Protein backbone atom coordinates (compact mmCIF):
# COMPACT_ATOMS: atom_id res chain seq x y z
CA UNK A 1 80.51 -4.35 96.68
CA UNK A 2 81.29 -3.00 100.35
CA UNK A 3 79.43 0.10 101.39
CA UNK A 4 82.89 1.70 102.58
CA UNK A 5 84.19 1.29 98.87
CA UNK A 6 81.12 2.68 97.30
CA UNK A 7 81.44 5.69 99.90
CA UNK A 8 85.20 5.72 99.12
CA UNK A 9 84.86 5.51 95.41
CA UNK A 10 82.15 8.02 95.46
CA UNK A 11 82.69 10.72 98.29
CA UNK A 12 84.39 13.44 96.42
CA UNK A 13 82.04 13.30 93.09
CA UNK A 14 79.08 13.43 95.41
CA UNK A 15 80.63 16.37 97.78
CA UNK A 16 81.60 18.56 94.48
CA UNK A 17 77.73 17.65 93.08
CA UNK A 18 76.12 19.39 96.43
CA UNK A 19 78.66 21.70 96.73
CA UNK A 20 78.20 23.26 92.97
CA UNK A 21 74.02 23.30 93.90
CA UNK A 22 74.61 24.88 97.77
CA UNK A 23 77.89 26.69 97.44
CA UNK A 24 78.45 26.59 100.66
CA UNK A 25 80.59 24.40 102.66
CA UNK A 26 78.99 23.52 105.92
CA UNK A 27 75.63 23.42 104.25
CA UNK A 28 77.24 20.59 101.83
CA UNK A 29 78.82 18.87 104.41
CA UNK A 30 75.84 18.54 106.03
CA UNK A 31 73.57 17.25 102.85
CA UNK A 32 76.66 15.09 101.90
CA UNK A 33 76.52 13.23 105.35
CA UNK A 34 72.83 12.93 105.17
CA UNK A 35 73.05 11.75 101.83
CA UNK A 36 75.69 8.69 102.64
CA UNK A 37 73.99 7.44 106.08
CA UNK A 38 70.32 7.28 103.44
CA UNK A 39 72.11 5.70 101.62
CA UNK A 40 73.92 3.37 103.82
CA UNK A 41 70.69 2.60 105.76
CA UNK A 42 69.02 1.66 101.93
CA UNK A 43 72.29 -0.11 100.82
CA UNK A 44 70.03 -3.55 100.84
CA UNK A 45 67.54 -2.78 98.74
CA UNK A 46 70.12 -0.80 96.03
CA UNK A 47 69.50 -2.31 92.79
CA UNK A 48 72.37 -2.03 90.11
CA UNK A 49 69.95 -3.17 87.05
CA UNK A 50 68.28 0.18 87.83
CA UNK A 51 71.58 2.40 88.26
CA UNK A 52 75.11 2.60 88.89
CA UNK A 53 76.28 3.33 92.61
CA UNK A 54 77.38 6.90 91.43
CA UNK A 55 73.74 7.64 90.07
CA UNK A 56 71.85 6.70 92.72
CA UNK A 57 73.97 8.12 95.36
CA UNK A 58 73.57 11.68 93.11
CA UNK A 59 69.78 10.86 93.00
CA UNK A 60 70.12 11.02 96.80
CA UNK A 61 72.30 13.95 97.01
CA UNK A 62 70.44 15.67 94.50
CA UNK A 63 66.85 14.97 96.55
CA UNK A 64 68.62 15.98 100.05
CA UNK A 65 70.23 19.51 98.07
CA UNK A 66 67.00 20.77 96.63
CA UNK A 67 65.09 19.48 99.96
CA UNK A 68 67.23 22.00 101.78
CA UNK A 69 66.87 24.60 99.52
CA UNK A 70 63.29 24.85 99.53
CA UNK A 71 63.67 24.73 103.55
CA UNK A 72 65.72 27.52 104.14
CA UNK A 73 65.82 30.91 102.70
CA UNK A 74 69.10 31.22 100.85
CA UNK A 75 71.02 34.41 99.50
CA UNK A 76 72.36 34.36 96.45
CA UNK A 77 76.10 33.90 97.60
CA UNK A 78 78.46 32.85 95.16
CA UNK A 79 81.79 31.16 97.15
CA UNK A 80 84.44 30.04 94.79
CA UNK A 81 84.22 26.33 94.31
CA UNK A 82 87.33 24.62 96.30
CA UNK A 83 88.11 22.55 93.94
CA UNK A 84 89.68 25.16 92.59
CA UNK A 85 93.49 26.16 93.63
CA UNK A 86 94.55 29.70 94.30
CA UNK A 87 97.18 31.55 91.67
CA UNK A 88 100.54 32.05 92.93
CA UNK A 89 102.10 35.10 91.07
CA UNK A 90 103.02 33.56 87.60
CA UNK A 91 102.05 34.39 84.42
CA UNK A 92 99.99 31.39 84.15
CA UNK A 93 98.64 31.87 87.79
CA UNK A 94 97.43 35.63 87.17
CA UNK A 95 95.44 34.43 83.86
CA UNK A 96 94.39 31.31 86.23
CA UNK A 97 92.99 34.16 88.69
CA UNK A 98 91.13 36.22 85.68
CA UNK A 99 89.58 32.97 84.79
CA UNK A 100 88.11 32.36 88.05
CA UNK A 101 86.58 35.99 88.44
CA UNK A 102 84.97 34.84 85.36
CA UNK A 103 83.72 31.76 86.88
CA UNK A 104 82.57 33.68 90.27
CA UNK A 105 81.28 36.11 88.15
CA UNK A 106 79.08 33.81 86.07
CA UNK A 107 78.30 32.16 89.58
CA UNK A 108 76.50 34.97 91.01
CA UNK A 109 74.34 35.68 87.57
CA UNK A 110 73.10 31.83 87.23
CA UNK A 111 70.32 29.54 88.77
CA UNK A 112 71.43 27.07 91.29
CA UNK A 113 70.03 24.51 88.81
CA UNK A 114 72.20 26.19 86.09
CA UNK A 115 75.31 26.10 88.24
CA UNK A 116 74.39 22.07 88.96
CA UNK A 117 74.07 21.38 85.47
CA UNK A 118 77.32 23.43 84.44
CA UNK A 119 79.08 21.77 86.91
CA UNK A 120 77.81 18.31 86.52
CA UNK A 121 79.69 18.75 82.61
CA UNK A 122 82.80 20.87 83.92
CA UNK A 123 83.45 20.51 87.41
CA UNK A 124 82.50 16.95 87.87
CA UNK A 125 83.41 15.76 84.27
CA UNK A 126 80.07 13.90 84.30
CA UNK A 127 79.25 12.57 80.66
CA UNK A 128 75.87 13.30 79.09
CA UNK A 129 74.75 9.99 79.14
CA UNK A 130 75.20 9.67 82.99
CA UNK A 131 73.81 13.34 83.50
CA UNK A 132 70.47 11.81 81.35
CA UNK A 133 70.19 8.50 83.48
CA UNK A 134 70.21 10.41 86.19
CA UNK A 135 67.90 13.25 85.70
CA UNK A 136 65.49 10.82 83.93
CA UNK A 137 66.28 12.95 80.26
CA UNK A 138 66.79 11.77 76.75
CA UNK A 139 71.11 12.11 76.33
CA UNK A 140 70.01 14.97 73.52
CA UNK A 141 67.93 17.04 75.89
CA UNK A 142 71.18 17.18 78.04
CA UNK A 143 73.30 18.00 75.13
CA UNK A 144 70.89 21.28 73.87
CA UNK A 145 70.62 21.98 77.42
CA UNK A 146 74.36 22.86 77.33
CA UNK A 147 74.43 23.99 74.69
CA UNK A 148 72.07 26.89 75.53
CA UNK A 149 73.38 27.08 79.00
CA UNK A 150 76.74 27.80 77.38
CA UNK A 151 75.21 30.68 75.20
CA UNK A 152 73.83 32.36 77.82
CA UNK A 153 77.03 32.28 79.49
CA UNK A 154 78.89 33.75 76.41
CA UNK A 155 76.24 36.56 76.65
CA UNK A 156 76.84 37.18 80.21
CA UNK A 157 80.12 37.47 79.98
CA UNK A 158 80.11 39.76 76.71
CA UNK A 159 77.69 42.09 78.50
CA UNK A 160 80.03 42.62 81.58
């Protein structure tokens, strides 16, 4: 497959994934750019029998984002993920706004790793098998982590 097609097929997913870790648009854009440049440089050695394009790119993006987090001091700021739309004034929109406020509250209480893990399933809609492959974990372990994280989120919201 041509690399331009790999880029087109995966850009949004990689962007959302990196954003779920960094919660900063400018840093996300830099990391996504670095990810695709690194992938392009290494595309000749990409082995489809080892991982899908998405998993391979996610791993590169993960490493780039974590390196950034380790190299710079990051305050625990939480921006609203840009893939959630702004509400209008209808009853449904008021409810959606309240839901977004809860999401923001949760984001402020979770670590970057927990936000990343939660967003892989709900924002990026990765399957447990994809997450397991990317993280090098058994699928049952991934499922158990989701269960624990969702319980933590419920506790956080109940104490609010």
